[in-house]
PDB file of N, CA and C in Angstrom:
ATOM      1  N   MET A   1       5.417  -2.886  -6.200  1.00  0.00           N
ATOM      2  CA  MET A   1       6.441  -2.136  -5.512  1.00  0.00           C
ATOM      3  C   MET A   1       7.459  -3.048  -4.845  1.00  0.00           C
ATOM      4  N   PHE A   2       7.299  -4.359  -4.892  1.00  0.00           N
ATOM      5  CA  PHE A   2       8.262  -5.224  -4.238  1.00  0.00           C
ATOM      6  C   PHE A   2       9.609  -5.087  -4.919  1.00  0.00           C
ATOM      7  N   VAL A   3      10.495  -4.333  -4.306  1.00  0.00           N
ATOM      8  CA  VAL A   3      11.791  -4.038  -4.902  1.00  0.00           C
ATOM      9  C   VAL A   3      12.876  -4.372  -3.897  1.00  0.00           C
ATOM     10  N   GLN A   4      13.810  -5.181  -4.311  1.00  0.00           N
ATOM     11  CA  GLN A   4      14.957  -5.495  -3.471  1.00  0.00           C
ATOM     12  C   GLN A   4      15.994  -4.396  -3.621  1.00  0.00           C
ATOM     13  N   LYS A   5      16.872  -4.290  -2.655  1.00  0.00           N
ATOM     14  CA  LYS A   5      17.910  -3.277  -2.693  1.00  0.00           C
ATOM     15  C   LYS A   5      18.720  -3.413  -3.983  1.00  0.00           C
ATOM     16  N   GLY A   6      18.911  -2.314  -4.666  1.00  0.00           N
ATOM     17  CA  GLY A   6      19.682  -2.312  -5.903  1.00  0.00           C
ATOM     18  C   GLY A   6      18.853  -2.575  -7.149  1.00  0.00           C
ATOM     19  N   GLN A   7      17.609  -3.011  -6.990  1.00  0.00           N
ATOM     20  CA  GLN A   7      16.763  -3.252  -8.150  1.00  0.00           C
ATOM     21  C   GLN A   7      16.125  -1.962  -8.618  1.00  0.00           C
ATOM     22  N   LYS A   8      15.804  -1.932  -9.892  1.00  0.00           N
ATOM     23  CA  LYS A   8      15.117  -0.782 -10.473  1.00  0.00           C
ATOM     24  C   LYS A   8      13.640  -0.804 -10.085  1.00  0.00           C
ATOM     25  N   ILE A   9      13.088   0.378  -9.772  1.00  0.00           N
ATOM     26  CA  ILE A   9      11.667   0.495  -9.446  1.00  0.00           C
ATOM     27  C   ILE A   9      10.862   0.204 -10.710  1.00  0.00           C
ATOM     28  N   PRO A  10       9.836  -0.675 -10.638  1.00  0.00           N
ATOM     29  CA  PRO A  10       9.059  -0.982 -11.849  1.00  0.00           C
ATOM     30  C   PRO A  10       8.259   0.226 -12.322  1.00  0.00           C
ATOM     31  N   SER A  11       8.131   0.357 -13.637  1.00  0.00           N
ATOM     32  CA  SER A  11       7.348   1.459 -14.186  1.00  0.00           C
ATOM     33  C   SER A  11       5.875   1.065 -14.324  1.00  0.00           C
ATOM     34  N   ALA A  12       5.584  -0.239 -14.331  1.00  0.00           N
ATOM     35  CA  ALA A  12       4.203  -0.702 -14.414  1.00  0.00           C
ATOM     36  C   ALA A  12       3.581  -0.684 -13.013  1.00  0.00           C
ATOM     37  N   PRO A  13       2.277  -0.487 -12.928  1.00  0.00           N
ATOM     38  CA  PRO A  13       1.647  -0.439 -11.613  1.00  0.00           C
ATOM     39  C   PRO A  13       1.713  -1.785 -10.910  1.00  0.00           C
ATOM     40  N   ALA A  14       1.983  -1.747  -9.619  1.00  0.00           N
ATOM     41  CA  ALA A  14       2.020  -2.958  -8.811  1.00  0.00           C
ATOM     42  C   ALA A  14       1.666  -2.603  -7.375  1.00  0.00           C
ATOM     43  N   GLU A  15       0.985  -3.521  -6.722  1.00  0.00           N
ATOM     44  CA  GLU A  15       0.635  -3.331  -5.325  1.00  0.00           C
ATOM     45  C   GLU A  15       1.800  -3.790  -4.462  1.00  0.00           C
ATOM     46  N   GLY A  16       1.986  -3.172  -3.313  1.00  0.00           N
ATOM     47  CA  GLY A  16       3.064  -3.576  -2.427  1.00  0.00           C
ATOM     48  C   GLY A  16       2.718  -3.344  -0.972  1.00  0.00           C
ATOM     49  N   TRP A  17       3.353  -4.135  -0.110  1.00  0.00           N
ATOM     50  CA  TRP A  17       3.127  -4.060   1.335  1.00  0.00           C
ATOM     51  C   TRP A  17       4.474  -4.020   2.040  1.00  0.00           C
ATOM     52  N   LEU A  18       4.577  -3.196   3.085  1.00  0.00           N
ATOM     53  CA  LEU A  18       5.758  -3.145   3.938  1.00  0.00           C
ATOM     54  C   LEU A  18       5.313  -3.259   5.381  1.00  0.00           C
ATOM     55  N   SER A  19       6.145  -3.897   6.228  1.00  0.00           N
ATOM     56  CA  SER A  19       5.822  -3.995   7.638  1.00  0.00           C
ATOM     57  C   SER A  19       7.086  -4.031   8.471  1.00  0.00           C
ATOM     58  N   ASP A  20       6.974  -3.493   9.683  1.00  0.00           N
ATOM     59  CA  ASP A  20       8.064  -3.614  10.654  1.00  0.00           C
ATOM     60  C   ASP A  20       7.661  -4.582  11.761  1.00  0.00           C
ATOM     61  N   GLY A  21       6.589  -5.324  11.558  1.00  0.00           N
ATOM     62  CA  GLY A  21       6.090  -6.261  12.543  1.00  0.00           C
ATOM     63  C   GLY A  21       4.901  -5.704  13.318  1.00  0.00           C
ATOM     64  N   ARG A  22       4.835  -4.401  13.474  1.00  0.00           N
ATOM     65  CA  ARG A  22       3.706  -3.761  14.146  1.00  0.00           C
ATOM     66  C   ARG A  22       2.962  -2.827  13.211  1.00  0.00           C
ATOM     67  N   ARG A  23       3.692  -2.001  12.479  1.00  0.00           N
ATOM     68  CA  ARG A  23       3.074  -1.050  11.547  1.00  0.00           C
ATOM     69  C   ARG A  23       3.119  -1.617  10.140  1.00  0.00           C
ATOM     70  N   VAL A  24       2.146  -1.205   9.324  1.00  0.00           N
ATOM     71  CA  VAL A  24       2.010  -1.720   7.956  1.00  0.00           C
ATOM     72  C   VAL A  24       1.738  -0.561   7.013  1.00  0.00           C
ATOM     73  N   LEU A  25       2.370  -0.594   5.828  1.00  0.00           N
ATOM     74  CA  LEU A  25       2.078   0.344   4.749  1.00  0.00           C
ATOM     75  C   LEU A  25       1.621  -0.456   3.536  1.00  0.00           C
ATOM     76  N   HIS A  26       0.513  -0.018   2.915  1.00  0.00           N
ATOM     77  CA  HIS A  26      -0.013  -0.656   1.708  1.00  0.00           C
ATOM     78  C   HIS A  26       0.042   0.360   0.572  1.00  0.00           C
ATOM     79  N   PHE A  27       0.710   0.002  -0.515  1.00  0.00           N
ATOM     80  CA  PHE A  27       0.846   0.849  -1.701  1.00  0.00           C
ATOM     81  C   PHE A  27      -0.021   0.254  -2.800  1.00  0.00           C
ATOM     82  N   LYS A  28      -0.960   1.058  -3.322  1.00  0.00           N
ATOM     83  CA  LYS A  28      -1.878   0.550  -4.340  1.00  0.00           C
ATOM     84  C   LYS A  28      -2.022   1.589  -5.456  1.00  0.00           C
ATOM     85  N   PRO A  29      -1.703   1.235  -6.708  1.00  0.00           N
ATOM     86  CA  PRO A  29      -1.894   2.173  -7.810  1.00  0.00           C
ATOM     87  C   PRO A  29      -3.374   2.496  -7.991  1.00  0.00           C
ATOM     88  N   VAL A  30      -3.692   3.784  -8.138  1.00  0.00           N
ATOM     89  CA  VAL A  30      -5.081   4.181  -8.361  1.00  0.00           C
ATOM     90  C   VAL A  30      -5.263   4.907  -9.685  1.00  0.00           C
ATOM     91  N   ILE A  31      -4.292   5.686 -10.069  1.00  0.00           N
ATOM     92  CA  ILE A  31      -4.322   6.353 -11.380  1.00  0.00           C
ATOM     93  C   ILE A  31      -2.986   6.038 -12.045  1.00  0.00           C
ATOM     94  N   TRP A  32      -3.059   5.429 -13.231  1.00  0.00           N
ATOM     95  CA  TRP A  32      -1.818   5.040 -13.897  1.00  0.00           C
ATOM     96  C   TRP A  32      -2.004   5.199 -15.394  1.00  0.00           C
ATOM     97  N   ASP A  33      -1.707   6.381 -15.884  1.00  0.00           N
ATOM     98  CA  ASP A  33      -1.791   6.594 -17.320  1.00  0.00           C
ATOM     99  C   ASP A  33      -0.572   7.390 -17.773  1.00  0.00           C
ATOM    100  N   ARG A  34      -0.596   7.817 -18.992  1.00  0.00           N
ATOM    101  CA  ARG A  34       0.570   8.486 -19.576  1.00  0.00           C
ATOM    102  C   ARG A  34       0.928   9.790 -18.873  1.00  0.00           C
ATOM    103  N   TRP A  35      -0.071  10.496 -18.364  1.00  0.00           N
ATOM    104  CA  TRP A  35       0.159  11.826 -17.811  1.00  0.00           C
ATOM    105  C   TRP A  35       0.199  11.863 -16.297  1.00  0.00           C
ATOM    106  N   GLN A  36      -0.403  10.890 -15.658  1.00  0.00           N
ATOM    107  CA  GLN A  36      -0.522  10.949 -14.206  1.00  0.00           C
ATOM    108  C   GLN A  36      -0.343   9.559 -13.605  1.00  0.00           C
ATOM    109  N   ARG A  37       0.481   9.477 -12.577  1.00  0.00           N
ATOM    110  CA  ARG A  37       0.693   8.206 -11.880  1.00  0.00           C
ATOM    111  C   ARG A  37       0.612   8.466 -10.378  1.00  0.00           C
ATOM    112  N   GLU A  38      -0.435   7.929  -9.781  1.00  0.00           N
ATOM    113  CA  GLU A  38      -0.646   8.130  -8.351  1.00  0.00           C
ATOM    114  C   GLU A  38      -0.953   6.813  -7.669  1.00  0.00           C
ATOM    115  N   LEU A  39      -0.516   6.723  -6.413  1.00  0.00           N
ATOM    116  CA  LEU A  39      -0.775   5.543  -5.607  1.00  0.00           C
ATOM    117  C   LEU A  39      -1.505   5.953  -4.337  1.00  0.00           C
ATOM    118  N   GLU A  40      -2.338   5.054  -3.869  1.00  0.00           N
ATOM    119  CA  GLU A  40      -3.003   5.250  -2.581  1.00  0.00           C
ATOM    120  C   GLU A  40      -2.153   4.526  -1.541  1.00  0.00           C
ATOM    121  N   ILE A  41      -1.754   5.235  -0.502  1.00  0.00           N
ATOM    122  CA  ILE A  41      -0.949   4.657   0.563  1.00  0.00           C
ATOM    123  C   ILE A  41      -1.832   4.586   1.811  1.00  0.00           C
ATOM    124  N   THR A  42      -1.997   3.381   2.347  1.00  0.00           N
ATOM    125  CA  THR A  42      -2.780   3.186   3.560  1.00  0.00           C
ATOM    126  C   THR A  42      -1.841   2.675   4.641  1.00  0.00           C
ATOM    127  N   SER A  43      -1.910   3.290   5.822  1.00  0.00           N
ATOM    128  CA  SER A  43      -1.082   2.831   6.930  1.00  0.00           C
ATOM    129  C   SER A  43      -1.984   2.213   7.986  1.00  0.00           C
ATOM    130  N   GLY A  44      -1.468   1.191   8.633  1.00  0.00           N
ATOM    131  CA  GLY A  44      -2.199   0.511   9.684  1.00  0.00           C
ATOM    132  C   GLY A  44      -1.245   0.100  10.785  1.00  0.00           C
ATOM    133  N   GLU A  45      -1.827  -0.300  11.906  1.00  0.00           N
ATOM    134  CA  GLU A  45      -1.025  -0.744  13.041  1.00  0.00           C
ATOM    135  C   GLU A  45      -1.695  -1.931  13.703  1.00  0.00           C
ATOM    136  N   TRP A  46      -0.897  -2.982  13.939  1.00  0.00           N
ATOM    137  CA  TRP A  46      -1.404  -4.160  14.621  1.00  0.00           C
ATOM    138  C   TRP A  46      -1.567  -3.850  16.098  1.00  0.00           C
ATOM    139  N   LEU A  47      -2.745  -4.141  16.643  1.00  0.00           N
ATOM    140  CA  LEU A  47      -3.003  -4.025  18.073  1.00  0.00           C
ATOM    141  C   LEU A  47      -3.139  -5.435  18.637  1.00  0.00           C
ATOM    142  N   SER A  48      -2.678  -5.633  19.845  1.00  0.00           N
ATOM    143  CA  SER A  48      -2.631  -6.989  20.413  1.00  0.00           C
ATOM    144  C   SER A  48      -3.993  -7.672  20.502  1.00  0.00           C
ATOM    145  N   ASP A  49      -5.058  -6.916  20.658  1.00  0.00           N
ATOM    146  CA  ASP A  49      -6.373  -7.534  20.833  1.00  0.00           C
ATOM    147  C   ASP A  49      -7.216  -7.536  19.559  1.00  0.00           C
ATOM    148  N   GLN A  50      -6.623  -7.267  18.409  1.00  0.00           N
ATOM    149  CA  GLN A  50      -7.368  -7.171  17.157  1.00  0.00           C
ATOM    150  C   GLN A  50      -6.926  -8.253  16.172  1.00  0.00           C
ATOM    151  N   ALA A  51      -7.871  -8.696  15.335  1.00  0.00           N
ATOM    152  CA  ALA A  51      -7.578  -9.721  14.327  1.00  0.00           C
ATOM    153  C   ALA A  51      -6.995  -9.130  13.048  1.00  0.00           C
ATOM    154  N   ALA A  52      -7.141  -7.822  12.868  1.00  0.00           N
ATOM    155  CA  ALA A  52      -6.616  -7.140  11.677  1.00  0.00           C
ATOM    156  C   ALA A  52      -6.039  -5.801  12.124  1.00  0.00           C
ATOM    157  N   PRO A  53      -5.128  -5.232  11.327  1.00  0.00           N
ATOM    158  CA  PRO A  53      -4.557  -3.947  11.723  1.00  0.00           C
ATOM    159  C   PRO A  53      -5.601  -2.836  11.768  1.00  0.00           C
ATOM    160  N   LEU A  54      -5.396  -1.905  12.679  1.00  0.00           N
ATOM    161  CA  LEU A  54      -6.206  -0.702  12.755  1.00  0.00           C
ATOM    162  C   LEU A  54      -5.734   0.229  11.645  1.00  0.00           C
ATOM    163  N   LEU A  55      -6.620   0.570  10.709  1.00  0.00           N
ATOM    164  CA  LEU A  55      -6.240   1.454   9.606  1.00  0.00           C
ATOM    165  C   LEU A  55      -6.224   2.879  10.135  1.00  0.00           C
ATOM    166  N   LYS A  56      -5.081   3.548   9.944  1.00  0.00           N
ATOM    167  CA  LYS A  56      -4.899   4.857  10.553  1.00  0.00           C
ATOM    168  C   LYS A  56      -4.947   6.016   9.572  1.00  0.00           C
ATOM    169  N   ARG A  57      -4.413   5.829   8.381  1.00  0.00           N
ATOM    170  CA  ARG A  57      -4.319   6.955   7.454  1.00  0.00           C
ATOM    171  C   ARG A  57      -4.329   6.459   6.020  1.00  0.00           C
ATOM    172  N   ARG A  58      -4.957   7.248   5.160  1.00  0.00           N
ATOM    173  CA  ARG A  58      -4.979   6.943   3.733  1.00  0.00           C
ATOM    174  C   ARG A  58      -4.682   8.238   2.987  1.00  0.00           C
ATOM    175  N   GLN A  59      -3.773   8.156   2.016  1.00  0.00           N
ATOM    176  CA  GLN A  59      -3.432   9.340   1.231  1.00  0.00           C
ATOM    177  C   GLN A  59      -3.047   8.921  -0.185  1.00  0.00           C
ATOM    178  N   TRP A  60      -3.200   9.851  -1.103  1.00  0.00           N
ATOM    179  CA  TRP A  60      -2.765   9.643  -2.483  1.00  0.00           C
ATOM    180  C   TRP A  60      -1.472  10.409  -2.681  1.00  0.00           C
ATOM    181  N   LEU A  61      -0.489   9.732  -3.295  1.00  0.00           N
ATOM    182  CA  LEU A  61       0.796  10.364  -3.580  1.00  0.00           C
ATOM    183  C   LEU A  61       1.185  10.115  -5.028  1.00  0.00           C
ATOM    184  N   SER A  62       1.974  11.026  -5.574  1.00  0.00           N
ATOM    185  CA  SER A  62       2.533  10.804  -6.905  1.00  0.00           C
ATOM    186  C   SER A  62       3.482   9.610  -6.837  1.00  0.00           C
ATOM    187  N   ARG A  63       3.776   9.026  -7.975  1.00  0.00           N
ATOM    188  CA  ARG A  63       4.682   7.882  -8.018  1.00  0.00           C
ATOM    189  C   ARG A  63       6.018   8.220  -7.382  1.00  0.00           C
ATOM    190  N   GLU A  64       6.545   9.408  -7.672  1.00  0.00           N
ATOM    191  CA  GLU A  64       7.846   9.804  -7.144  1.00  0.00           C
ATOM    192  C   GLU A  64       7.829   9.869  -5.618  1.00  0.00           C
ATOM    193  N   LYS A  65       6.779  10.451  -5.040  1.00  0.00           N
ATOM    194  CA  LYS A  65       6.684  10.541  -3.580  1.00  0.00           C
ATOM    195  C   LYS A  65       6.445   9.164  -2.957  1.00  0.00           C
ATOM    196  N   ALA A  66       5.680   8.315  -3.646  1.00  0.00           N
ATOM    197  CA  ALA A  66       5.430   6.963  -3.140  1.00  0.00           C
ATOM    198  C   ALA A  66       6.721   6.145  -3.139  1.00  0.00           C
ATOM    199  N   VAL A  67       7.546   6.295  -4.169  1.00  0.00           N
ATOM    200  CA  VAL A  67       8.832   5.585  -4.218  1.00  0.00           C
ATOM    201  C   VAL A  67       9.716   6.051  -3.068  1.00  0.00           C
ATOM    202  N   ALA A  68       9.748   7.359  -2.804  1.00  0.00           N
ATOM    203  CA  ALA A  68      10.538   7.881  -1.682  1.00  0.00           C
ATOM    204  C   ALA A  68      10.012   7.327  -0.365  1.00  0.00           C
ATOM    205  N   LEU A  69       8.675   7.255  -0.226  1.00  0.00           N
ATOM    206  CA  LEU A  69       8.080   6.715   0.989  1.00  0.00           C
ATOM    207  C   LEU A  69       8.394   5.232   1.134  1.00  0.00           C
ATOM    208  N   TRP A  70       8.452   4.503   0.041  1.00  0.00           N
ATOM    209  CA  TRP A  70       8.809   3.076   0.075  1.00  0.00           C
ATOM    210  C   TRP A  70      10.258   2.904   0.540  1.00  0.00           C
ATOM    211  N   ARG A  71      11.157   3.705   0.031  1.00  0.00           N
ATOM    212  CA  ARG A  71      12.581   3.551   0.334  1.00  0.00           C
ATOM    213  C   ARG A  71      12.931   3.920   1.770  1.00  0.00           C
ATOM    214  N   GLN A  72      12.264   4.922   2.330  1.00  0.00           N
ATOM    215  CA  GLN A  72      12.604   5.395   3.671  1.00  0.00           C
ATOM    216  C   GLN A  72      12.416   4.302   4.735  1.00  0.00           C
ATOM    217  N   PRO A  73      11.246   3.650   4.843  1.00  0.00           N
ATOM    218  CA  PRO A  73      11.123   2.574   5.842  1.00  0.00           C
ATOM    219  C   PRO A  73      12.022   1.376   5.536  1.00  0.00           C
ATOM    220  N   ARG A  74      12.254   1.109   4.245  1.00  0.00           N
ATOM    221  CA  ARG A  74      13.146  -0.004   3.881  1.00  0.00           C
ATOM    222  C   ARG A  74      14.538   0.225   4.454  1.00  0.00           C
ATOM    223  N   SER A  75      14.987   1.485   4.459  1.00  0.00           N
ATOM    224  CA  SER A  75      16.316   1.786   5.011  1.00  0.00           C
ATOM    225  C   SER A  75      16.330   1.628   6.534  1.00  0.00           C
ATOM    226  N   GLU A  76      15.143   1.598   7.165  1.00  0.00           N
ATOM    227  CA  GLU A  76      15.040   1.427   8.615  1.00  0.00           C
ATOM    228  C   GLU A  76      14.767  -0.029   9.006  1.00  0.00           C
ATOM    229  N   GLY A  77      14.769  -0.938   8.030  1.00  0.00           N
ATOM    230  CA  GLY A  77      14.607  -2.350   8.334  1.00  0.00           C
ATOM    231  C   GLY A  77      13.226  -2.937   8.077  1.00  0.00           C
ATOM    232  N   TRP A  78      12.277  -2.121   7.584  1.00  0.00           N
ATOM    233  CA  TRP A  78      10.969  -2.662   7.230  1.00  0.00           C
ATOM    234  C   TRP A  78      11.161  -3.663   6.091  1.00  0.00           C
ATOM    235  N   THR A  79      10.305  -4.661   6.034  1.00  0.00           N
ATOM    236  CA  THR A  79      10.434  -5.676   4.988  1.00  0.00           C
ATOM    237  C   THR A  79       9.141  -5.809   4.189  1.00  0.00           C
ATOM    238  N   PRO A  80       9.260  -6.164   2.908  1.00  0.00           N
ATOM    239  CA  PRO A  80       8.058  -6.450   2.121  1.00  0.00           C
ATOM    240  C   PRO A  80       7.331  -7.645   2.738  1.00  0.00           C
ATOM    241  N   CYS A  81       6.032  -7.627   2.671  1.00  0.00           N
ATOM    242  CA  CYS A  81       5.230  -8.709   3.240  1.00  0.00           C
ATOM    243  C   CYS A  81       4.009  -8.933   2.354  1.00  0.00           C
ATOM    244  N   GLY A  82       3.269  -9.956   2.662  1.00  0.00           N
ATOM    245  CA  GLY A  82       2.037 -10.242   1.948  1.00  0.00           C
ATOM    246  C   GLY A  82       0.914  -9.338   2.435  1.00  0.00           C
ATOM    247  N   PRO A  83      -0.238  -9.413   1.800  1.00  0.00           N
ATOM    248  CA  PRO A  83      -1.373  -8.587   2.215  1.00  0.00           C
ATOM    249  C   PRO A  83      -1.721  -8.793   3.693  1.00  0.00           C
ATOM    250  N   GLN A  84      -1.987  -7.710   4.383  1.00  0.00           N
ATOM    251  CA  GLN A  84      -2.286  -7.745   5.812  1.00  0.00           C
ATOM    252  C   GLN A  84      -3.775  -7.562   6.104  1.00  0.00           C
ATOM    253  N   TRP A  85      -4.544  -7.149   5.114  1.00  0.00           N
ATOM    254  CA  TRP A  85      -5.990  -7.032   5.249  1.00  0.00           C
ATOM    255  C   TRP A  85      -6.601  -7.111   3.872  1.00  0.00           C
ATOM    256  N   GLN A  86      -7.888  -7.421   3.847  1.00  0.00           N
ATOM    257  CA  GLN A  86      -8.627  -7.484   2.593  1.00  0.00           C
ATOM    258  C   GLN A  86      -9.449  -6.213   2.453  1.00  0.00           C
ATOM    259  N   PRO A  87      -9.459  -5.594   1.278  1.00  0.00           N
ATOM    260  CA  PRO A  87     -10.297  -4.415   1.102  1.00  0.00           C
ATOM    261  C   PRO A  87     -11.766  -4.793   1.213  1.00  0.00           C
ATOM    262  N   PRO A  88     -12.592  -3.877   1.691  1.00  0.00           N
ATOM    263  CA  PRO A  88     -14.030  -4.195   1.785  1.00  0.00           C
ATOM    264  C   PRO A  88     -14.616  -4.431   0.402  1.00  0.00           C
ATOM    265  N   GLN A  89     -15.582  -5.322   0.353  1.00  0.00           N
ATOM    266  CA  GLN A  89     -16.269  -5.596  -0.907  1.00  0.00           C
ATOM    267  C   GLN A  89     -17.205  -4.436  -1.238  1.00  0.00           C
ATOM    268  N   PRO A  90     -17.290  -4.048  -2.514  1.00  0.00           N
ATOM    269  CA  PRO A  90     -18.228  -2.981  -2.873  1.00  0.00           C
ATOM    270  C   PRO A  90     -19.657  -3.436  -2.606  1.00  0.00           C
ATOM    271  N   PRO A  91     -20.533  -2.500  -2.275  1.00  0.00           N
ATOM    272  CA  PRO A  91     -21.920  -2.891  -2.016  1.00  0.00           C
ATOM    273  C   PRO A  91     -22.563  -3.465  -3.278  1.00  0.00           C
ATOM    274  N   ARG A  92     -23.425  -4.435  -3.071  1.00  0.00           N
ATOM    275  CA  ARG A  92     -24.126  -5.044  -4.203  1.00  0.00           C
ATOM    276  C   ARG A  92     -25.277  -4.143  -4.603  1.00  0.00           C
ATOM    277  N   MET A  93     -25.431  -3.991  -5.891  1.00  0.00           N
ATOM    278  CA  MET A  93     -26.521  -3.183  -6.399  1.00  0.00           C
ATOM    279  C   MET A  93     -27.768  -4.063  -6.519  1.00  0.00           C
ATOM    280  N   VAL A  94     -28.858  -3.573  -5.986  1.00  0.00           N
ATOM    281  CA  VAL A  94     -30.121  -4.309  -6.043  1.00  0.00           C
ATOM    282  C   VAL A  94     -31.013  -3.643  -7.069  1.00  0.00           C
ATOM    283  N   LEU A  95     -31.453  -4.417  -8.005  1.00  0.00           N
ATOM    284  CA  LEU A  95     -32.367  -3.910  -9.028  1.00  0.00           C
ATOM    285  C   LEU A  95     -33.777  -4.308  -8.644  1.00  0.00           C
ATOM    286  N   TRP A  96     -34.648  -3.359  -8.574  1.00  0.00           N
ATOM    287  CA  TRP A  96     -36.048  -3.621  -8.228  1.00  0.00           C
ATOM    288  C   TRP A  96     -36.833  -3.940  -9.484  1.00  0.00           C
ATOM    289  N   ARG A  97     -37.744  -4.819  -9.358  1.00  0.00           N
ATOM    290  CA  ARG A  97     -38.586  -5.170 -10.505  1.00  0.00           C
ATOM    291  C   ARG A  97     -39.888  -4.458 -10.460  1.00  0.00           C
TER     292      ARG A  97
END
């Protein structure tokens, strides 16, 4: 989703991050096929006493709604940024003998 002003939105799935310095939006493709394109949008907020942002909301949106959501904060001065948190690792499966 890293798109500069005037650039075309990519049709291939891509992860993207936006921040205003305190709040963070993470865009992650979850379903991307010929018939359906959806992204998971996670919002977080940096708190002064925390090492990572507090995750506040997670939702799935169609590509069209996610693009609109990307453009709205960009028009308010939010900037693309690098990853602000690491997703949790999936639990390891233990096989008993």
